[in-house]
Amino acid sequence: MNWDVVQGKWKQLKGNVKEKWGDLTDDEIDQIDGKKDQLSGKLQEKYGWTKDEAEKQIDDFTRDHR
């Protein structure tokens, strides 16, 4: 699934995002609103990942939710 599809289905995918990255609060997930760069930044902040690691995690997530 490409990121445009994820962004379009963000409301349906929020539960999956919360399940995958449980440290994100509901408010943070709402603020991200399907924006990949914001999700990446929050994952870096919450998990201490590098930008590359956060991007890899996001890519794995989108691949798993086709």
N, C-alpha and C. Protein backbone atom coordinates (compact mmCIF):
# COMPACT_ATOMS: atom_id res chain seq x y z
N MET A 1 0.86 -1.17 0.00
CA MET A 1 0.00 0.00 0.00
C MET A 1 0.91 1.23 0.00
N ASN A 2 0.65 2.15 -0.91
CA ASN A 2 1.48 3.35 -0.91
C ASN A 2 0.97 4.34 0.13
N TRP A 3 1.77 5.33 0.41
CA TRP A 3 1.43 6.22 1.51
C TRP A 3 0.20 7.06 1.22
N ASP A 4 -0.09 7.37 -0.03
CA ASP A 4 -1.31 8.12 -0.36
C ASP A 4 -2.55 7.36 0.08
N VAL A 5 -2.53 6.04 -0.09
CA VAL A 5 -3.65 5.21 0.34
C VAL A 5 -3.74 5.21 1.87
N VAL A 6 -2.59 5.08 2.53
CA VAL A 6 -2.57 5.11 4.00
C VAL A 6 -3.16 6.42 4.48
N GLN A 7 -2.73 7.52 3.89
CA GLN A 7 -3.23 8.83 4.31
C GLN A 7 -4.73 8.92 4.12
N GLY A 8 -5.23 8.39 3.00
CA GLY A 8 -6.66 8.42 2.74
C GLY A 8 -7.47 7.55 3.69
N LYS A 9 -6.85 6.49 4.20
CA LYS A 9 -7.53 5.56 5.10
C LYS A 9 -7.07 5.72 6.55
N TRP A 10 -6.51 6.86 6.88
CA TRP A 10 -5.91 7.05 8.21
C TRP A 10 -6.90 6.73 9.33
N LYS A 11 -8.13 7.18 9.20
CA LYS A 11 -9.10 6.95 10.28
C LYS A 11 -9.32 5.46 10.49
N GLN A 12 -9.36 4.67 9.41
CA GLN A 12 -9.54 3.23 9.55
C GLN A 12 -8.28 2.56 10.10
N LEU A 13 -7.11 3.12 9.82
CA LEU A 13 -5.85 2.49 10.21
C LEU A 13 -5.35 2.92 11.58
N LYS A 14 -6.00 3.89 12.20
CA LYS A 14 -5.50 4.40 13.48
C LYS A 14 -5.38 3.29 14.53
N GLY A 15 -6.32 2.35 14.54
CA GLY A 15 -6.24 1.25 15.49
C GLY A 15 -5.02 0.37 15.24
N ASN A 16 -4.71 0.15 13.97
CA ASN A 16 -3.53 -0.63 13.62
C ASN A 16 -2.25 0.10 14.01
N VAL A 17 -2.26 1.41 13.85
CA VAL A 17 -1.10 2.22 14.24
C VAL A 17 -0.90 2.13 15.75
N LYS A 18 -1.99 2.25 16.50
CA LYS A 18 -1.92 2.17 17.96
C LYS A 18 -1.44 0.79 18.41
N GLU A 19 -1.90 -0.25 17.71
CA GLU A 19 -1.48 -1.61 18.04
C GLU A 19 0.01 -1.81 17.77
N LYS A 20 0.50 -1.29 16.66
CA LYS A 20 1.91 -1.47 16.27
C LYS A 20 2.83 -0.62 17.14
N TRP A 21 2.44 0.62 17.37
CA TRP A 21 3.28 1.55 18.12
C TRP A 21 2.49 2.07 19.33
N GLY A 22 2.37 1.23 20.32
CA GLY A 22 1.53 1.51 21.49
C GLY A 22 1.95 2.69 22.33
N ASP A 23 3.18 3.16 22.16
CA ASP A 23 3.63 4.32 22.93
C ASP A 23 3.04 5.63 22.41
N LEU A 24 2.48 5.61 21.21
CA LEU A 24 1.84 6.81 20.67
C LEU A 24 0.48 6.98 21.32
N THR A 25 0.18 8.18 21.76
CA THR A 25 -1.12 8.44 22.36
C THR A 25 -2.16 8.65 21.26
N ASP A 26 -3.42 8.55 21.65
CA ASP A 26 -4.50 8.80 20.70
C ASP A 26 -4.42 10.22 20.14
N ASP A 27 -4.08 11.18 21.00
CA ASP A 27 -3.95 12.57 20.55
C ASP A 27 -2.83 12.70 19.53
N GLU A 28 -1.71 12.04 19.76
CA GLU A 28 -0.59 12.11 18.82
C GLU A 28 -0.98 11.48 17.48
N ILE A 29 -1.68 10.36 17.53
CA ILE A 29 -2.12 9.70 16.30
C ILE A 29 -3.09 10.61 15.54
N ASP A 30 -3.98 11.29 16.26
CA ASP A 30 -4.88 12.25 15.62
C ASP A 30 -4.11 13.40 14.99
N GLN A 31 -3.09 13.91 15.68
CA GLN A 31 -2.29 15.02 15.17
C GLN A 31 -1.49 14.62 13.95
N ILE A 32 -1.01 13.38 13.90
CA ILE A 32 -0.24 12.90 12.76
C ILE A 32 -1.11 12.94 11.50
N ASP A 33 -2.38 12.55 11.64
CA ASP A 33 -3.38 12.67 10.58
C ASP A 33 -2.91 12.12 9.24
N GLY A 34 -2.19 11.01 9.28
CA GLY A 34 -1.76 10.35 8.05
C GLY A 34 -0.53 10.95 7.38
N LYS A 35 0.13 11.89 8.04
CA LYS A 35 1.32 12.51 7.45
C LYS A 35 2.55 11.68 7.82
N LYS A 36 3.18 11.13 6.81
CA LYS A 36 4.30 10.21 7.01
C LYS A 36 5.46 10.86 7.75
N ASP A 37 5.77 12.11 7.41
CA ASP A 37 6.90 12.77 8.07
C ASP A 37 6.62 13.00 9.55
N GLN A 38 5.36 13.29 9.88
CA GLN A 38 5.03 13.48 11.29
C GLN A 38 5.05 12.16 12.05
N LEU A 39 4.59 11.09 11.41
CA LEU A 39 4.67 9.77 12.04
C LEU A 39 6.13 9.39 12.27
N SER A 40 6.96 9.61 11.29
CA SER A 40 8.38 9.32 11.41
C SER A 40 9.00 10.08 12.58
N GLY A 41 8.70 11.36 12.68
CA GLY A 41 9.23 12.18 13.76
C GLY A 41 8.79 11.70 15.13
N LYS A 42 7.51 11.33 15.24
CA LYS A 42 7.00 10.84 16.53
C LYS A 42 7.64 9.51 16.91
N LEU A 43 7.84 8.64 15.92
CA LEU A 43 8.48 7.36 16.21
C LEU A 43 9.93 7.57 16.66
N GLN A 44 10.62 8.51 16.03
CA GLN A 44 11.99 8.81 16.44
C GLN A 44 12.00 9.33 17.88
N GLU A 45 11.06 10.19 18.18
CA GLU A 45 10.98 10.79 19.51
C GLU A 45 10.63 9.75 20.57
N LYS A 46 9.64 8.91 20.31
CA LYS A 46 9.13 7.95 21.30
C LYS A 46 10.06 6.75 21.50
N TYR A 47 10.65 6.28 20.40
CA TYR A 47 11.43 5.05 20.47
C TYR A 47 12.93 5.27 20.37
N GLY A 48 13.37 6.49 20.14
CA GLY A 48 14.79 6.78 20.04
C GLY A 48 15.43 6.22 18.78
N TRP A 49 14.62 6.02 17.73
CA TRP A 49 15.13 5.48 16.48
C TRP A 49 15.74 6.57 15.62
N THR A 50 16.62 6.14 14.72
CA THR A 50 17.12 7.06 13.70
C THR A 50 16.01 7.27 12.67
N LYS A 51 16.20 8.27 11.83
CA LYS A 51 15.22 8.52 10.77
C LYS A 51 15.09 7.30 9.86
N ASP A 52 16.23 6.68 9.53
CA ASP A 52 16.20 5.49 8.66
C ASP A 52 15.42 4.35 9.30
N GLU A 53 15.61 4.12 10.59
CA GLU A 53 14.89 3.05 11.27
C GLU A 53 13.39 3.34 11.31
N ALA A 54 13.03 4.58 11.60
CA ALA A 54 11.61 4.95 11.61
C ALA A 54 10.99 4.74 10.23
N GLU A 55 11.69 5.14 9.19
CA GLU A 55 11.19 4.97 7.82
C GLU A 55 11.04 3.48 7.48
N LYS A 56 11.98 2.66 7.93
CA LYS A 56 11.89 1.21 7.70
C LYS A 56 10.67 0.64 8.40
N GLN A 57 10.43 1.05 9.62
CA GLN A 57 9.27 0.57 10.37
C GLN A 57 7.96 0.97 9.67
N ILE A 58 7.92 2.20 9.18
CA ILE A 58 6.73 2.68 8.47
C ILE A 58 6.54 1.90 7.18
N ASP A 59 7.62 1.66 6.45
CA ASP A 59 7.52 0.89 5.21
C ASP A 59 7.03 -0.53 5.48
N ASP A 60 7.52 -1.14 6.55
CA ASP A 60 7.06 -2.48 6.93
C ASP A 60 5.56 -2.46 7.27
N PHE A 61 5.13 -1.43 7.96
CA PHE A 61 3.72 -1.27 8.33
C PHE A 61 2.85 -1.18 7.07
N THR A 62 3.26 -0.35 6.12
CA THR A 62 2.44 -0.18 4.92
C THR A 62 2.43 -1.46 4.09
N ARG A 63 3.53 -2.19 4.07
CA ARG A 63 3.59 -3.45 3.33
C ARG A 63 2.66 -4.47 3.97
N ASP A 64 2.57 -4.48 5.29
CA ASP A 64 1.72 -5.43 6.01
C ASP A 64 0.24 -5.11 5.89
N HIS A 65 -0.10 -3.89 5.51
CA HIS A 65 -1.51 -3.47 5.45
C HIS A 65 -1.96 -3.17 4.03
N ARG A 66 -1.66 -4.05 3.14
CA ARG A 66 -2.07 -3.88 1.74
C ARG A 66 -3.51 -4.18 1.55
